[in-house]
């Protein structure tokens, strides 16, 4: 009896103490966001401090010192597949995101140790970095009260991490590999084409259209989809859009008219509306380019930014064995008088060079690239800008396939570019491969 009484007293006291806990809102609330990119997902978790009338950068967050890029525990990025951040390859895993703010330039740190709550006393050691890179802060007129990180400019292959606080915006790109994975999936499926559903062919054609891939292949796939699903108005609408992207407006109009008739026959109000609206758009569009000028419109995203034109340059010459390169896309990157200049030692031991146009490069190298497999990957980049003059020292590695453990070659592309106010152009590429005598300098390699 006494034991039972004692137990009841202890339970009462514990309940009283437990009931005295006070829950209050945290000053820097925790946030977690997820973003689907390509065929994978990225997770970001961080704590969000607010300004509360304080001067942030240069005072609350001192210039020249490592900042946890948030509050409380370290800000973390989790990747479930290999990614590329600002030109640096990064394996799947969870990493801490630190930064060193300065007035004119920030250093972004992708760090392997994620369990540090306090970073004082030099705890963020360079030897534990995955890498570091520089970004330029952007002044914005809109004041942000609470520190915010978000994923912006999301495409099927990339996104931007955008960090905003006070009147400062910092952003950097994250890219994922998608094209080779799609191609491998299709190559595997095509081993038994009779088992491929019409939806698979449709998705492949849709991906190629929206990602500015080989439109002839996209047309073959949408035709295969229609052969397995006849009078499919959804598929016919996509075929019309492929014709339009190629630059054949007449066939685009005829095909979408057929799609409309099929939608009417099926009494599908949604696609009756979609096809009629698209037909009206085609008929009103007086600026649809002729076939010979279609590349400029089809690949306009490639030349919309410095990052995009460099990604397109590397992407268009890269591919597995048997994969044809899109030389229309390649030629669209260059000014008419552009030159490509490989350099190296001749048999006589003297350094020489060879001058090529984009067209002659495609003629001399295209078949070799297709027959052997070749992937050129940018691993580091140094950019200098003066007005419209832009010079990029782009360090590369060369692989036969993306599954290769080691590159068979490395070197530097010296790339001159310009922006005419409407788009980016490559003026010239002068490159030199690494040799035993001429090794790549550390300053042109990724930060360790």
Protein backbone atom coordinates (compact mmCIF):
# COMPACT_ATOMS: atom_id res chain seq x y z
CA UNK A 1 0.00 0.00 0.00
CA UNK A 2 2.81 2.38 0.95
CA UNK A 3 4.62 1.45 -2.28
CA UNK A 4 1.54 2.27 -4.34
CA UNK A 5 1.13 5.61 -2.55
CA UNK A 6 4.77 6.48 -3.17
CA UNK A 7 4.44 5.61 -6.85
CA UNK A 8 1.37 7.84 -7.17
CA UNK A 9 3.22 10.73 -5.50
CA UNK A 10 6.20 10.34 -7.86
CA UNK A 11 3.94 10.23 -10.90
CA UNK A 12 2.15 13.37 -9.68
CA UNK A 13 5.43 15.21 -9.14
CA UNK A 14 6.75 14.16 -12.56
CA UNK A 15 3.52 15.25 -14.23
CA UNK A 16 3.68 18.62 -12.43
CA UNK A 17 7.27 19.22 -13.50
CA UNK A 18 6.53 18.11 -17.05
CA UNK A 19 3.57 20.44 -17.23
CA UNK A 20 5.79 23.37 -16.25
CA UNK A 21 7.78 23.23 -19.55
CA UNK A 22 7.23 26.37 -21.61
CA UNK A 23 7.09 26.23 -25.39
CA UNK A 24 8.02 29.47 -27.16
CA UNK A 25 8.68 30.28 -30.82
CA UNK A 26 12.33 30.03 -31.84
CA UNK A 27 13.97 33.29 -32.90
CA UNK A 28 15.39 31.70 -36.06
CA UNK A 29 12.85 29.09 -37.17
CA UNK A 30 13.99 25.94 -38.95
CA UNK A 31 13.04 25.46 -42.60
CA UNK A 32 13.47 22.58 -45.03
CA UNK A 33 12.80 22.73 -48.75
CA UNK A 34 13.01 20.08 -51.44
CA UNK A 35 13.34 20.47 -55.18
CA UNK A 36 13.01 17.92 -57.95
CA UNK A 37 15.62 18.44 -60.68
CA UNK A 38 15.95 16.12 -63.62
CA UNK A 39 15.64 12.59 -62.29
CA UNK A 40 16.70 13.35 -58.73
CA UNK A 41 15.92 15.59 -55.75
CA UNK A 42 17.79 18.15 -53.64
CA UNK A 43 17.01 18.89 -49.99
CA UNK A 44 18.09 22.05 -48.17
CA UNK A 45 17.65 22.68 -44.44
CA UNK A 46 18.52 25.85 -42.54
CA UNK A 47 17.50 28.21 -39.75
CA UNK A 48 16.18 31.67 -40.72
CA UNK A 49 17.30 34.71 -38.70
CA UNK A 50 15.59 38.08 -39.15
CA UNK A 51 17.14 41.54 -39.40
CA UNK A 52 15.00 43.23 -36.69
CA UNK A 53 16.34 46.67 -37.51
CA UNK A 54 19.97 45.61 -37.50
CA UNK A 55 22.55 46.27 -40.22
CA UNK A 56 23.36 42.80 -41.57
CA UNK A 57 26.34 42.51 -43.90
CA UNK A 58 29.43 44.23 -42.66
CA UNK A 59 28.13 44.42 -39.06
CA UNK A 60 25.94 41.59 -37.74
CA UNK A 61 27.59 39.34 -40.34
CA UNK A 62 31.15 40.69 -40.57
CA UNK A 63 32.95 40.92 -43.90
CA UNK A 64 35.90 38.59 -44.38
CA UNK A 65 34.80 36.02 -41.79
CA UNK A 66 33.23 32.59 -42.26
CA UNK A 67 29.46 32.69 -41.75
CA UNK A 68 27.30 29.65 -41.12
CA UNK A 69 24.92 31.02 -43.79
CA UNK A 70 21.93 30.96 -41.51
CA UNK A 71 21.53 30.48 -37.78
CA UNK A 72 21.89 27.73 -35.16
CA UNK A 73 23.12 24.46 -36.70
CA UNK A 74 24.87 24.44 -40.06
CA UNK A 75 22.88 24.90 -43.23
CA UNK A 76 22.83 21.59 -45.11
CA UNK A 77 22.41 20.52 -48.72
CA UNK A 78 21.62 16.89 -49.47
CA UNK A 79 22.11 15.38 -52.94
CA UNK A 80 20.96 11.90 -53.87
CA UNK A 81 23.00 11.79 -57.07
CA UNK A 82 26.22 13.40 -58.28
CA UNK A 83 25.74 17.07 -59.14
CA UNK A 84 27.82 19.96 -60.42
CA UNK A 85 27.92 23.21 -58.46
CA UNK A 86 29.36 26.28 -60.20
CA UNK A 87 31.45 24.02 -62.42
CA UNK A 88 32.62 21.71 -59.61
CA UNK A 89 31.63 18.04 -59.50
CA UNK A 90 30.20 16.82 -56.19
CA UNK A 91 29.35 13.27 -55.13
CA UNK A 92 25.98 12.36 -53.62
CA UNK A 93 25.74 13.07 -49.89
CA UNK A 94 25.00 15.76 -47.31
CA UNK A 95 27.21 18.86 -47.07
CA UNK A 96 27.32 22.00 -44.96
CA UNK A 97 26.95 25.33 -46.74
CA UNK A 98 29.19 28.10 -45.38
CA UNK A 99 30.20 31.43 -46.86
CA UNK A 100 32.62 34.33 -46.47
CA UNK A 101 30.76 37.56 -47.31
CA UNK A 102 32.60 40.59 -48.64
CA UNK A 103 31.39 43.79 -50.20
CA UNK A 104 32.57 42.98 -53.72
CA UNK A 105 32.87 39.18 -53.67
CA UNK A 106 31.65 36.21 -51.64
CA UNK A 107 33.33 32.84 -51.15
CA UNK A 108 30.92 29.91 -51.04
CA UNK A 109 32.14 26.85 -49.13
CA UNK A 110 30.76 23.36 -49.68
CA UNK A 111 32.00 21.55 -46.56
CA UNK A 112 32.12 17.85 -45.74
CA UNK A 113 31.64 18.18 -41.95
CA UNK A 114 27.99 18.79 -41.11
CA UNK A 115 27.85 18.27 -37.33
CA UNK A 116 29.32 21.61 -36.18
CA UNK A 117 26.93 23.93 -34.37
CA UNK A 118 29.65 26.46 -33.54
CA UNK A 119 32.21 27.36 -36.21
CA UNK A 120 34.32 29.73 -34.11
CA UNK A 121 38.02 29.16 -33.66
CA UNK A 122 38.78 28.16 -37.24
CA UNK A 123 36.73 24.95 -37.16
CA UNK A 124 35.84 25.20 -40.86
CA UNK A 125 39.16 23.88 -42.14
CA UNK A 126 39.97 23.94 -45.87
CA UNK A 127 41.08 20.30 -45.78
CA UNK A 128 37.48 19.34 -44.95
CA UNK A 129 36.03 21.33 -47.86
CA UNK A 130 34.59 19.63 -50.91
CA UNK A 131 35.53 22.89 -52.67
CA UNK A 132 35.19 26.68 -52.56
CA UNK A 133 34.22 29.11 -55.27
CA UNK A 134 33.60 32.84 -55.75
CA UNK A 135 30.33 34.61 -56.55
CA UNK A 136 29.40 38.26 -56.99
CA UNK A 137 26.78 39.73 -54.62
CA UNK A 138 23.84 41.47 -56.27
CA UNK A 139 22.30 44.58 -54.71
CA UNK A 140 18.51 44.51 -54.79
CA UNK A 141 16.12 47.41 -54.09
CA UNK A 142 13.71 45.10 -52.25
CA UNK A 143 14.72 44.62 -48.62
CA UNK A 144 14.37 41.07 -47.29
CA UNK A 145 13.66 40.98 -43.54
CA UNK A 146 14.14 37.24 -42.93
CA UNK A 147 17.08 35.34 -44.38
CA UNK A 148 15.72 33.27 -47.28
CA UNK A 149 17.18 30.47 -49.37
CA UNK A 150 15.19 29.18 -52.30
CA UNK A 151 15.61 27.21 -55.51
CA UNK A 152 15.03 29.37 -58.57
CA UNK A 153 15.36 29.22 -62.38
CA UNK A 154 14.47 25.51 -62.28
CA UNK A 155 14.92 23.60 -65.55
CA UNK A 156 14.96 19.90 -66.34
CA UNK A 157 18.72 19.87 -65.76
CA UNK A 158 19.54 22.68 -63.34
CA UNK A 159 18.48 25.21 -60.77
CA UNK A 160 19.91 28.12 -58.82
CA UNK A 161 20.40 28.35 -55.10
CA UNK A 162 19.28 31.92 -54.32
CA UNK A 163 20.11 33.43 -50.91
CA UNK A 164 18.55 36.76 -49.96
CA UNK A 165 18.87 38.95 -46.88
CA UNK A 166 18.68 42.68 -46.39
CA UNK A 167 19.42 44.11 -49.88
CA UNK A 168 21.83 41.39 -50.99
CA UNK A 169 21.18 38.47 -53.32
CA UNK A 170 23.65 35.62 -53.79
CA UNK A 171 23.04 32.87 -56.31
CA UNK A 172 24.92 29.93 -57.79
CA UNK A 173 23.97 27.10 -60.15
CA UNK A 174 23.46 23.41 -59.52
CA UNK A 175 23.40 21.08 -62.52
CA UNK A 176 22.49 17.40 -62.82
CA UNK A 177 23.17 14.95 -65.62
CA UNK A 178 19.98 13.93 -67.42
CA UNK A 179 20.65 13.50 -71.14
CA UNK A 180 22.95 10.48 -70.84
CA UNK A 181 20.53 8.81 -68.42
CA UNK A 182 17.61 9.26 -70.82
CA UNK A 183 19.73 7.96 -73.71
CA UNK A 184 20.81 4.90 -71.70
CA UNK A 185 17.22 4.17 -70.72
CA UNK A 186 16.08 4.39 -74.34
CA UNK A 187 19.02 2.31 -75.57
CA UNK A 188 18.07 -0.42 -73.11
CA UNK A 189 14.37 -0.23 -74.00
CA UNK A 190 15.10 -0.32 -77.75
CA UNK A 191 16.72 -3.75 -77.37
CA UNK A 192 13.12 -5.03 -77.32
CA UNK A 193 11.13 -2.36 -79.23
CA UNK A 194 8.03 -4.51 -79.36
CA UNK A 195 7.66 -4.10 -75.58
CA UNK A 196 7.93 -0.30 -75.61
CA UNK A 197 4.62 1.42 -74.94
CA UNK A 198 3.41 4.40 -76.94
CA UNK A 199 3.69 6.53 -73.77
CA UNK A 200 7.43 5.85 -73.55
CA UNK A 201 7.96 7.00 -77.13
CA UNK A 202 5.86 10.09 -76.42
CA UNK A 203 7.84 10.99 -73.28
CA UNK A 204 11.14 10.57 -75.13
CA UNK A 205 9.95 12.80 -78.00
CA UNK A 206 8.61 15.38 -75.56
CA UNK A 207 11.91 15.45 -73.65
CA UNK A 208 13.93 15.91 -76.82
CA UNK A 209 11.69 18.76 -77.99
CA UNK A 210 11.67 20.70 -74.74
CA UNK A 211 15.40 20.22 -74.15
CA UNK A 212 16.50 21.16 -77.67
CA UNK A 213 17.88 17.75 -78.52
CA UNK A 214 17.91 15.99 -81.90
CA UNK A 215 14.55 16.93 -83.42
CA UNK A 216 14.83 14.31 -86.17
CA UNK A 217 15.03 11.68 -83.44
CA UNK A 218 12.12 13.33 -81.63
CA UNK A 219 10.08 13.03 -84.84
CA UNK A 220 10.91 9.32 -85.17
CA UNK A 221 9.79 8.70 -81.61
CA UNK A 222 6.51 10.59 -81.91
CA UNK A 223 5.79 8.71 -85.14
CA UNK A 224 6.45 5.45 -83.26
CA UNK A 225 4.05 6.60 -80.53
CA UNK A 226 1.35 7.38 -83.09
CA UNK A 227 1.85 4.02 -84.80
CA UNK A 228 1.01 2.33 -81.49
CA UNK A 229 -1.76 4.77 -80.51
CA UNK A 230 -3.55 5.89 -83.67
CA UNK A 231 -5.54 9.13 -83.79
CA UNK A 232 -4.02 10.25 -80.50
CA UNK A 233 -4.67 14.00 -80.46
CA UNK A 234 -2.18 14.62 -77.67
CA UNK A 235 0.60 12.98 -79.66
CA UNK A 236 -0.38 14.78 -82.87
CA UNK A 237 -0.23 18.11 -81.04
CA UNK A 238 3.34 17.33 -79.96
CA UNK A 239 4.24 16.33 -83.52
CA UNK A 240 2.95 19.72 -84.70
CA UNK A 241 5.20 21.44 -82.18
CA UNK A 242 8.21 19.43 -83.40
CA UNK A 243 7.46 20.51 -86.98
CA UNK A 244 7.27 24.10 -85.75
CA UNK A 245 10.62 23.79 -83.94
CA UNK A 246 12.21 22.40 -87.11
CA UNK A 247 10.85 25.42 -88.97
CA UNK A 248 8.24 23.71 -91.16
CA UNK A 249 5.23 25.90 -90.41
CA UNK A 250 3.02 24.38 -93.12
CA UNK A 251 3.33 20.84 -91.78
CA UNK A 252 2.92 22.16 -88.23
CA UNK A 253 -0.42 23.74 -89.19
CA UNK A 254 -1.66 20.68 -91.09
CA UNK A 255 -0.72 18.35 -88.22
CA UNK A 256 -2.41 20.41 -85.50
CA UNK A 257 -5.55 20.59 -87.67
CA UNK A 258 -5.55 16.79 -87.72
CA UNK A 259 -5.05 16.74 -83.94
CA UNK A 260 -8.06 19.04 -83.57
CA UNK A 261 -10.24 16.77 -85.71
CA UNK A 262 -9.25 13.74 -83.61
CA UNK A 263 -10.04 15.63 -80.40
CA UNK A 264 -13.47 16.60 -81.80
CA UNK A 265 -14.14 12.98 -82.77
CA UNK A 266 -13.19 11.84 -79.27
CA UNK A 267 -15.25 14.65 -77.71
CA UNK A 268 -12.26 15.74 -75.63
CA UNK A 269 -12.93 19.38 -74.75
CA UNK A 270 -9.49 19.91 -73.23
CA UNK A 271 -7.56 19.02 -76.39
CA UNK A 272 -10.14 20.67 -78.64
CA UNK A 273 -9.21 23.86 -76.82
CA UNK A 274 -5.44 23.20 -76.77
CA UNK A 275 -5.21 22.34 -80.46
CA UNK A 276 -7.40 25.25 -81.59
CA UNK A 277 -5.39 27.72 -79.50
CA UNK A 278 -2.10 26.37 -80.86
CA UNK A 279 -3.43 26.50 -84.43
CA UNK A 280 -4.43 30.13 -83.91
CA UNK A 281 -0.96 30.87 -82.54
CA UNK A 282 0.72 29.33 -85.60
CA UNK A 283 -1.54 31.19 -88.03
CA UNK A 284 -1.00 34.54 -86.32
CA UNK A 285 2.75 34.15 -85.93
CA UNK A 286 4.30 36.07 -88.81
CA UNK A 287 7.78 35.73 -87.39
CA UNK A 288 8.09 31.95 -87.65
CA UNK A 289 11.56 31.52 -89.14
CA UNK A 290 12.15 29.64 -92.38
CA UNK A 291 13.84 26.24 -92.08
CA UNK A 292 17.35 27.58 -92.65
CA UNK A 293 16.97 30.11 -89.78
CA UNK A 294 15.26 27.75 -87.35
CA UNK A 295 18.41 26.96 -85.34
CA UNK A 296 18.67 30.49 -83.92
CA UNK A 297 15.15 30.25 -82.51
CA UNK A 298 15.41 26.60 -81.50
CA UNK A 299 18.58 27.15 -79.52
CA UNK A 300 17.99 30.63 -78.14
CA UNK A 301 18.21 29.39 -74.55
CA UNK A 302 21.78 28.22 -75.26
CA UNK A 303 22.92 31.80 -75.86
CA UNK A 304 20.87 33.56 -73.17
CA UNK A 305 23.67 33.63 -70.57
CA UNK A 306 27.39 32.98 -70.15
CA UNK A 307 26.68 29.81 -68.15
CA UNK A 308 24.30 28.52 -70.80
CA UNK A 309 26.57 29.10 -73.80
CA UNK A 310 29.50 27.37 -72.09
CA UNK A 311 27.26 24.48 -71.02
CA UNK A 312 26.00 24.20 -74.62
CA UNK A 313 29.56 24.27 -75.99
CA UNK A 314 30.62 21.33 -73.83
CA UNK A 315 27.29 19.56 -74.13
CA UNK A 316 27.02 19.60 -77.92
CA UNK A 317 30.41 17.96 -78.58
CA UNK A 318 29.89 15.37 -75.84
CA UNK A 319 28.17 12.03 -76.22
CA UNK A 320 28.63 8.28 -76.02
CA UNK A 321 29.85 6.15 -78.90
CA UNK A 322 27.31 6.10 -81.73
CA UNK A 323 25.58 9.33 -80.65
CA UNK A 324 25.39 11.92 -83.43
CA UNK A 325 26.24 15.51 -82.57
CA UNK A 326 23.88 18.38 -83.36
CA UNK A 327 26.13 20.57 -85.51
CA UNK A 328 23.36 23.10 -86.18
CA UNK A 329 23.30 23.74 -82.45
CA UNK A 330 27.12 23.91 -82.40
CA UNK A 331 27.33 26.44 -85.25
CA UNK A 332 24.67 28.62 -83.62
CA UNK A 333 27.06 29.39 -80.74
CA UNK A 334 29.65 31.20 -82.89
CA UNK A 335 30.00 34.48 -84.76
CA UNK A 336 30.34 34.02 -88.52
CA UNK A 337 34.11 34.68 -88.50
CA UNK A 338 34.83 32.53 -85.40
CA UNK A 339 37.97 30.43 -85.20
CA UNK A 340 38.87 27.28 -83.24
CA UNK A 341 42.61 26.94 -82.66
CA UNK A 342 44.18 23.80 -81.16
CA UNK A 343 47.80 24.25 -80.07
CA UNK A 344 50.60 21.84 -79.28
CA UNK A 345 54.07 20.62 -80.16
CA UNK A 346 54.74 19.19 -83.59
CA UNK A 347 57.13 16.38 -84.51
CA UNK A 348 59.90 18.94 -84.77
CA UNK A 349 59.40 19.91 -81.14
CA UNK A 350 58.13 23.37 -81.97
CA UNK A 351 54.86 24.74 -80.64
CA UNK A 352 52.35 25.25 -83.41
CA UNK A 353 48.67 25.73 -84.03
CA UNK A 354 45.92 24.97 -86.53
CA UNK A 355 43.11 27.34 -87.55
CA UNK A 356 39.59 25.97 -88.04
CA UNK A 357 36.11 27.36 -88.50
CA UNK A 358 33.22 25.79 -86.59
CA UNK A 359 32.15 24.13 -89.87
CA UNK A 360 35.59 22.66 -90.58
CA UNK A 361 35.87 21.46 -86.97
CA UNK A 362 32.60 19.56 -87.40
CA UNK A 363 33.83 18.08 -90.70
CA UNK A 364 37.21 16.96 -89.36
CA UNK A 365 36.22 15.91 -85.83
CA UNK A 366 32.54 14.96 -86.06
CA UNK A 367 32.98 11.38 -87.26
CA UNK A 368 35.75 10.70 -84.72
CA UNK A 369 33.60 11.98 -81.84
CA UNK A 370 30.72 9.76 -82.93
CA UNK A 371 32.83 6.65 -83.58
CA UNK A 372 34.87 6.77 -80.37
CA UNK A 373 32.65 8.39 -77.74
CA UNK A 374 33.80 11.62 -76.16
CA UNK A 375 32.71 13.68 -73.17
CA UNK A 376 34.45 16.97 -72.39
CA UNK A 377 33.68 18.16 -68.86
CA UNK A 378 34.47 21.60 -67.47
CA UNK A 379 36.08 21.26 -64.01
CA UNK A 380 37.06 24.87 -63.28
CA UNK A 381 36.49 28.32 -64.71
CA UNK A 382 38.14 31.74 -64.45
CA UNK A 383 36.24 34.66 -65.99
CA UNK A 384 37.50 38.15 -66.80
CA UNK A 385 35.19 40.84 -68.13
CA UNK A 386 35.69 44.30 -69.60
CA UNK A 387 32.57 45.81 -71.15
CA UNK A 388 31.43 43.48 -73.93
CA UNK A 389 34.78 41.67 -73.89
CA UNK A 390 34.68 38.42 -71.89
CA UNK A 391 37.55 35.96 -71.54
CA UNK A 392 37.14 32.53 -69.94
CA UNK A 393 39.94 30.17 -68.94
CA UNK A 394 37.95 26.93 -68.84
CA UNK A 395 39.77 23.84 -67.52
CA UNK A 396 38.46 20.57 -68.95
CA UNK A 397 38.75 16.81 -68.61
CA UNK A 398 38.02 14.37 -71.44
CA UNK A 399 36.36 10.95 -71.06
CA UNK A 400 35.20 8.25 -73.47
CA UNK A 401 32.06 7.71 -71.36
CA UNK A 402 30.65 9.33 -68.25
CA UNK A 403 31.24 6.04 -66.41
CA UNK A 404 35.03 6.26 -66.83
CA UNK A 405 36.88 6.61 -63.53
CA UNK A 406 39.73 8.70 -64.96
CA UNK A 407 39.97 11.17 -67.84
CA UNK A 408 42.20 10.30 -70.80
CA UNK A 409 43.12 13.97 -71.30
CA UNK A 410 42.99 17.37 -69.61
CA UNK A 411 43.66 20.91 -70.73
CA UNK A 412 42.50 24.51 -70.88
CA UNK A 413 40.15 26.17 -73.34
CA UNK A 414 40.85 29.89 -73.71
CA UNK A 415 37.46 31.17 -74.84
CA UNK A 416 36.70 34.71 -76.02
CA UNK A 417 33.05 35.75 -76.00
CA UNK A 418 30.88 38.78 -76.49
CA UNK A 419 27.32 39.84 -75.75
CA UNK A 420 25.77 42.06 -78.42
CA UNK A 421 22.87 43.07 -76.18
CA UNK A 422 20.58 40.36 -77.53
CA UNK A 423 22.56 37.15 -77.07
CA UNK A 424 25.98 35.65 -76.31
CA UNK A 425 28.48 34.68 -79.05
CA UNK A 426 31.73 32.71 -79.02
CA UNK A 427 34.37 34.66 -80.92
CA UNK A 428 37.31 32.28 -80.61
CA UNK A 429 38.53 29.17 -78.78
CA UNK A 430 42.27 28.54 -78.40
CA UNK A 431 43.14 25.40 -76.45
CA UNK A 432 46.11 23.46 -75.16
CA UNK A 433 46.14 19.94 -73.73
CA UNK A 434 48.09 19.04 -70.63
CA UNK A 435 51.43 17.26 -71.14
CA UNK A 436 54.19 15.98 -68.88
CA UNK A 437 56.16 19.12 -69.71
CA UNK A 438 53.23 21.51 -69.32
CA UNK A 439 51.09 20.56 -66.31
CA UNK A 440 47.89 22.35 -65.34
CA UNK A 441 48.60 25.07 -62.72
CA UNK A 442 46.83 24.67 -59.38
CA UNK A 443 45.09 28.04 -59.80
CA UNK A 444 43.20 26.65 -62.81
CA UNK A 445 42.08 23.48 -61.01
CA UNK A 446 39.08 23.04 -58.67
CA UNK A 447 39.69 24.05 -55.09
CA UNK A 448 40.37 21.06 -52.85
